Amino acid sequence: MRIALPALLAALILLVGCEEKVTLENYEQIEKGMSLAQVEQILGEGRLEESSGTSLGTGGIPERSRDDVSNRTYVWEEDGKIITVKIIDDKVASKTKRGF
C-alpha cells in the first residue's frame, strides 16, 4: 500500500494541473475593466493575436496601423473552444467565445 499512495498522489497532482481553463464558467468571470493579469489568473497565459498591419482610416481608405501596445487581442483555445479578449489601455474592452 505504501507504493500505491505516492502513485495516487502524483496522479492527483497531474489532474489538478490539467484542469480545463477555457470554460463557460471562466468566460463569465471575465468582466470589462479587468486587467490582463486578472484575466490570466482565470484563464492562464493567453496567446497574443497578430494584427494584419492595416486598418480602415477616414473615409474607408486602408492605412497602415502602428504597433499599438494599448490595443491588443489575446486568445485562449482548448478542445475546440475559443475565448478572445480585446485589451485596450491595459483593461478588458470586450470578449467573445466560440465552440461552446
N, C-alpha and C. Protein backbone atom coordinates (compact mmCIF):
# COMPACT_ATOMS: atom_id res chain seq x y z
N MET A 1 0.82 -1.20 0.00
CA MET A 1 0.00 0.00 0.00
C MET A 1 0.87 1.27 0.00
N ARG A 2 2.09 1.17 0.53
CA ARG A 2 2.97 2.35 0.57
C ARG A 2 3.35 2.80 -0.83
N ILE A 3 3.50 1.89 -1.77
CA ILE A 3 3.87 2.24 -3.13
C ILE A 3 2.68 2.87 -3.85
N ALA A 4 1.49 2.41 -3.59
CA ALA A 4 0.28 2.92 -4.26
C ALA A 4 -0.03 4.36 -3.85
N LEU A 5 0.23 4.72 -2.62
CA LEU A 5 -0.08 6.08 -2.15
C LEU A 5 0.72 7.14 -2.89
N PRO A 6 2.05 7.02 -3.05
CA PRO A 6 2.78 8.04 -3.83
C PRO A 6 2.30 8.12 -5.27
N ALA A 7 1.98 6.97 -5.88
CA ALA A 7 1.49 6.98 -7.25
C ALA A 7 0.14 7.69 -7.33
N LEU A 8 -0.71 7.46 -6.37
CA LEU A 8 -2.02 8.13 -6.33
C LEU A 8 -1.86 9.63 -6.15
N LEU A 9 -0.98 10.04 -5.27
CA LEU A 9 -0.73 11.47 -5.06
C LEU A 9 -0.18 12.12 -6.32
N ALA A 10 0.73 11.46 -7.02
CA ALA A 10 1.29 12.00 -8.26
C ALA A 10 0.20 12.15 -9.32
N ALA A 11 -0.69 11.18 -9.41
CA ALA A 11 -1.79 11.25 -10.38
C ALA A 11 -2.72 12.41 -10.05
N LEU A 12 -3.01 12.62 -8.79
CA LEU A 12 -3.89 13.73 -8.38
C LEU A 12 -3.26 15.08 -8.70
N ILE A 13 -1.97 15.20 -8.49
CA ILE A 13 -1.27 16.45 -8.80
C ILE A 13 -1.34 16.73 -10.30
N LEU A 14 -1.16 15.71 -11.12
CA LEU A 14 -1.25 15.89 -12.57
C LEU A 14 -2.65 16.29 -12.99
N LEU A 15 -3.66 15.70 -12.40
CA LEU A 15 -5.04 16.04 -12.75
C LEU A 15 -5.37 17.48 -12.39
N VAL A 16 -4.92 17.94 -11.25
CA VAL A 16 -5.17 19.32 -10.83
C VAL A 16 -4.49 20.28 -11.78
N GLY A 17 -3.27 19.98 -12.22
CA GLY A 17 -2.54 20.83 -13.15
C GLY A 17 -3.13 20.85 -14.54
N CYS A 18 -3.98 19.88 -14.86
CA CYS A 18 -4.54 19.76 -16.20
C CYS A 18 -5.99 20.22 -16.27
N GLU A 19 -6.45 20.94 -15.29
CA GLU A 19 -7.85 21.35 -15.31
C GLU A 19 -8.13 22.28 -16.49
N GLU A 20 -9.33 22.16 -17.02
CA GLU A 20 -9.72 22.99 -18.15
C GLU A 20 -9.82 24.45 -17.72
N LYS A 21 -9.31 25.32 -18.55
CA LYS A 21 -9.38 26.76 -18.28
C LYS A 21 -10.38 27.45 -19.18
N VAL A 22 -10.51 26.97 -20.43
CA VAL A 22 -11.40 27.59 -21.40
C VAL A 22 -12.80 26.97 -21.22
N THR A 23 -13.51 27.50 -20.22
CA THR A 23 -14.84 27.01 -19.90
C THR A 23 -15.82 28.18 -19.89
N LEU A 24 -17.10 27.85 -19.99
CA LEU A 24 -18.13 28.88 -19.93
C LEU A 24 -18.11 29.59 -18.58
N GLU A 25 -17.87 28.85 -17.53
CA GLU A 25 -17.81 29.46 -16.19
C GLU A 25 -16.68 30.48 -16.09
N ASN A 26 -15.50 30.14 -16.63
CA ASN A 26 -14.38 31.09 -16.61
C ASN A 26 -14.65 32.28 -17.52
N TYR A 27 -15.25 32.02 -18.69
CA TYR A 27 -15.60 33.12 -19.60
C TYR A 27 -16.50 34.13 -18.90
N GLU A 28 -17.48 33.63 -18.17
CA GLU A 28 -18.43 34.51 -17.49
C GLU A 28 -17.80 35.31 -16.35
N GLN A 29 -16.64 34.86 -15.84
CA GLN A 29 -15.94 35.60 -14.78
C GLN A 29 -15.21 36.83 -15.32
N ILE A 30 -14.93 36.85 -16.61
CA ILE A 30 -14.19 37.97 -17.21
C ILE A 30 -15.14 39.15 -17.38
N GLU A 31 -14.72 40.30 -16.86
CA GLU A 31 -15.56 41.50 -16.90
C GLU A 31 -14.81 42.66 -17.52
N LYS A 32 -15.58 43.55 -18.14
CA LYS A 32 -14.98 44.79 -18.68
C LYS A 32 -14.25 45.50 -17.56
N GLY A 33 -13.08 46.05 -17.91
CA GLY A 33 -12.30 46.81 -16.94
C GLY A 33 -11.26 45.99 -16.20
N MET A 34 -11.31 44.66 -16.31
CA MET A 34 -10.29 43.82 -15.68
C MET A 34 -8.95 44.03 -16.38
N SER A 35 -7.88 43.82 -15.66
CA SER A 35 -6.54 43.87 -16.27
C SER A 35 -6.23 42.53 -16.93
N LEU A 36 -5.24 42.52 -17.81
CA LEU A 36 -4.81 41.28 -18.43
C LEU A 36 -4.34 40.29 -17.37
N ALA A 37 -3.66 40.78 -16.35
CA ALA A 37 -3.19 39.91 -15.27
C ALA A 37 -4.36 39.21 -14.57
N GLN A 38 -5.45 39.93 -14.36
CA GLN A 38 -6.63 39.33 -13.73
C GLN A 38 -7.24 38.26 -14.64
N VAL A 39 -7.30 38.53 -15.94
CA VAL A 39 -7.82 37.55 -16.88
C VAL A 39 -6.93 36.31 -16.89
N GLU A 40 -5.62 36.51 -16.87
CA GLU A 40 -4.69 35.38 -16.89
C GLU A 40 -4.73 34.57 -15.60
N GLN A 41 -5.16 35.16 -14.50
CA GLN A 41 -5.36 34.39 -13.27
C GLN A 41 -6.51 33.39 -13.47
N ILE A 42 -7.47 33.75 -14.29
CA ILE A 42 -8.63 32.89 -14.55
C ILE A 42 -8.32 31.87 -15.64
N LEU A 43 -7.75 32.34 -16.76
CA LEU A 43 -7.59 31.51 -17.95
C LEU A 43 -6.18 30.97 -18.18
N GLY A 44 -5.21 31.47 -17.45
CA GLY A 44 -3.82 31.14 -17.73
C GLY A 44 -3.29 32.10 -18.78
N GLU A 45 -2.06 31.86 -19.23
CA GLU A 45 -1.43 32.77 -20.19
C GLU A 45 -2.09 32.65 -21.56
N GLY A 46 -2.44 33.79 -22.12
CA GLY A 46 -3.06 33.81 -23.44
C GLY A 46 -2.04 34.01 -24.55
N ARG A 47 -2.51 33.80 -25.78
CA ARG A 47 -1.67 33.99 -26.96
C ARG A 47 -2.04 35.34 -27.57
N LEU A 48 -1.04 36.19 -27.78
CA LEU A 48 -1.26 37.49 -28.41
C LEU A 48 -1.56 37.26 -29.88
N GLU A 49 -2.69 37.75 -30.34
CA GLU A 49 -3.07 37.60 -31.74
C GLU A 49 -2.39 38.67 -32.56
N GLU A 50 -1.74 38.25 -33.62
CA GLU A 50 -1.04 39.19 -34.50
C GLU A 50 -2.05 39.96 -35.34
N SER A 51 -1.80 41.24 -35.51
CA SER A 51 -2.70 42.06 -36.34
C SER A 51 -2.20 42.04 -37.78
N SER A 52 -3.09 42.39 -38.69
CA SER A 52 -2.74 42.35 -40.11
C SER A 52 -1.85 43.52 -40.52
N GLY A 53 -1.83 44.58 -39.72
CA GLY A 53 -1.00 45.73 -40.05
C GLY A 53 -1.72 46.80 -40.83
N THR A 54 -2.98 46.57 -41.20
CA THR A 54 -3.74 47.61 -41.89
C THR A 54 -5.08 47.78 -41.20
N SER A 55 -5.62 48.97 -41.34
CA SER A 55 -6.94 49.26 -40.81
C SER A 55 -7.60 50.26 -41.73
N LEU A 56 -8.90 50.45 -41.54
CA LEU A 56 -9.60 51.44 -42.35
C LEU A 56 -9.50 52.80 -41.69
N GLY A 57 -9.06 53.76 -42.45
CA GLY A 57 -8.94 55.11 -41.94
C GLY A 57 -10.18 55.93 -42.28
N THR A 58 -10.04 57.23 -42.21
CA THR A 58 -11.13 58.14 -42.53
C THR A 58 -11.59 57.91 -43.96
N GLY A 59 -12.87 57.85 -44.15
CA GLY A 59 -13.41 57.65 -45.50
C GLY A 59 -13.30 56.22 -46.00
N GLY A 60 -12.96 55.27 -45.11
CA GLY A 60 -12.87 53.87 -45.51
C GLY A 60 -11.64 53.52 -46.30
N ILE A 61 -10.63 54.38 -46.28
CA ILE A 61 -9.39 54.14 -47.02
C ILE A 61 -8.43 53.35 -46.14
N PRO A 62 -7.93 52.19 -46.64
CA PRO A 62 -6.98 51.40 -45.84
C PRO A 62 -5.71 52.20 -45.54
N GLU A 63 -5.23 52.05 -44.31
CA GLU A 63 -3.97 52.70 -43.94
C GLU A 63 -3.20 51.77 -43.02
N ARG A 64 -1.89 51.93 -42.99
CA ARG A 64 -1.05 51.12 -42.12
C ARG A 64 -1.31 51.50 -40.67
N SER A 65 -1.46 50.49 -39.83
CA SER A 65 -1.64 50.78 -38.41
C SER A 65 -0.31 50.62 -37.70
N ARG A 66 -0.06 51.42 -36.73
CA ARG A 66 1.18 51.31 -35.97
C ARG A 66 1.04 50.20 -34.95
N ASP A 67 2.14 49.71 -34.45
CA ASP A 67 2.11 48.66 -33.43
C ASP A 67 1.67 49.30 -32.13
N ASP A 68 0.38 49.28 -31.88
CA ASP A 68 -0.21 49.98 -30.74
C ASP A 68 -0.32 49.05 -29.54
N VAL A 69 0.57 49.23 -28.57
CA VAL A 69 0.57 48.36 -27.40
C VAL A 69 -0.63 48.60 -26.50
N SER A 70 -1.37 49.67 -26.72
CA SER A 70 -2.55 49.93 -25.88
C SER A 70 -3.79 49.21 -26.40
N ASN A 71 -3.67 48.53 -27.56
CA ASN A 71 -4.81 47.87 -28.17
C ASN A 71 -4.37 46.48 -28.63
N ARG A 72 -4.65 45.46 -27.81
CA ARG A 72 -4.19 44.09 -28.10
C ARG A 72 -5.35 43.11 -27.99
N THR A 73 -5.23 42.00 -28.71
CA THR A 73 -6.21 40.93 -28.64
C THR A 73 -5.51 39.64 -28.23
N TYR A 74 -6.04 38.98 -27.20
CA TYR A 74 -5.49 37.73 -26.69
C TYR A 74 -6.49 36.61 -26.90
N VAL A 75 -5.95 35.40 -27.15
CA VAL A 75 -6.79 34.24 -27.46
C VAL A 75 -6.40 33.08 -26.55
N TRP A 76 -7.41 32.37 -26.08
CA TRP A 76 -7.24 31.13 -25.33
C TRP A 76 -8.03 30.06 -26.07
N GLU A 77 -7.40 28.93 -26.37
CA GLU A 77 -8.06 27.88 -27.14
C GLU A 77 -7.80 26.53 -26.49
N GLU A 78 -8.87 25.74 -26.38
CA GLU A 78 -8.76 24.43 -25.74
C GLU A 78 -9.91 23.54 -26.20
N ASP A 79 -9.60 22.40 -26.75
CA ASP A 79 -10.61 21.42 -27.17
C ASP A 79 -11.69 22.02 -28.07
N GLY A 80 -11.29 22.87 -29.01
CA GLY A 80 -12.25 23.46 -29.95
C GLY A 80 -13.01 24.65 -29.40
N LYS A 81 -12.78 25.01 -28.15
CA LYS A 81 -13.41 26.17 -27.54
C LYS A 81 -12.42 27.33 -27.55
N ILE A 82 -12.91 28.51 -27.90
CA ILE A 82 -12.03 29.68 -28.04
C ILE A 82 -12.62 30.86 -27.27
N ILE A 83 -11.78 31.51 -26.48
CA ILE A 83 -12.14 32.77 -25.82
C ILE A 83 -11.18 33.83 -26.35
N THR A 84 -11.74 34.93 -26.81
CA THR A 84 -10.95 36.05 -27.32
C THR A 84 -11.26 37.27 -26.46
N VAL A 85 -10.22 37.95 -26.01
CA VAL A 85 -10.37 39.14 -25.17
C VAL A 85 -9.60 40.29 -25.79
N LYS A 86 -10.29 41.40 -25.99
CA LYS A 86 -9.67 42.61 -26.52
C LYS A 86 -9.29 43.50 -25.33
N ILE A 87 -8.02 43.88 -25.27
CA ILE A 87 -7.48 44.72 -24.20
C ILE A 87 -7.17 46.08 -24.78
N ILE A 88 -7.75 47.12 -24.22
CA ILE A 88 -7.46 48.50 -24.62
C ILE A 88 -7.03 49.26 -23.38
N ASP A 89 -5.88 49.93 -23.48
CA ASP A 89 -5.32 50.67 -22.34
C ASP A 89 -5.22 49.79 -21.10
N ASP A 90 -4.74 48.56 -21.30
CA ASP A 90 -4.49 47.59 -20.23
C ASP A 90 -5.74 47.11 -19.50
N LYS A 91 -6.92 47.27 -20.10
CA LYS A 91 -8.17 46.82 -19.49
C LYS A 91 -9.00 46.05 -20.51
N VAL A 92 -9.80 45.10 -20.05
CA VAL A 92 -10.69 44.36 -20.93
C VAL A 92 -11.73 45.32 -21.51
N ALA A 93 -11.80 45.34 -22.83
CA ALA A 93 -12.79 46.19 -23.52
C ALA A 93 -13.95 45.33 -24.05
N SER A 94 -13.63 44.09 -24.47
CA SER A 94 -14.66 43.19 -24.96
C SER A 94 -14.16 41.76 -24.90
N LYS A 95 -15.09 40.82 -25.01
CA LYS A 95 -14.76 39.41 -25.03
C LYS A 95 -15.73 38.67 -25.93
N THR A 96 -15.26 37.57 -26.53
CA THR A 96 -16.13 36.72 -27.34
C THR A 96 -15.78 35.27 -27.07
N LYS A 97 -16.72 34.38 -27.39
CA LYS A 97 -16.49 32.96 -27.22
C LYS A 97 -17.01 32.22 -28.45
N ARG A 98 -16.38 31.10 -28.77
CA ARG A 98 -16.82 30.23 -29.87
C ARG A 98 -16.62 28.78 -29.48
N GLY A 99 -17.49 27.93 -30.00
CA GLY A 99 -17.32 26.50 -29.80
C GLY A 99 -17.87 25.96 -28.50
N PHE A 100 -18.64 26.75 -27.80
CA PHE A 100 -19.22 26.31 -26.53
C PHE A 100 -20.58 25.70 -26.74
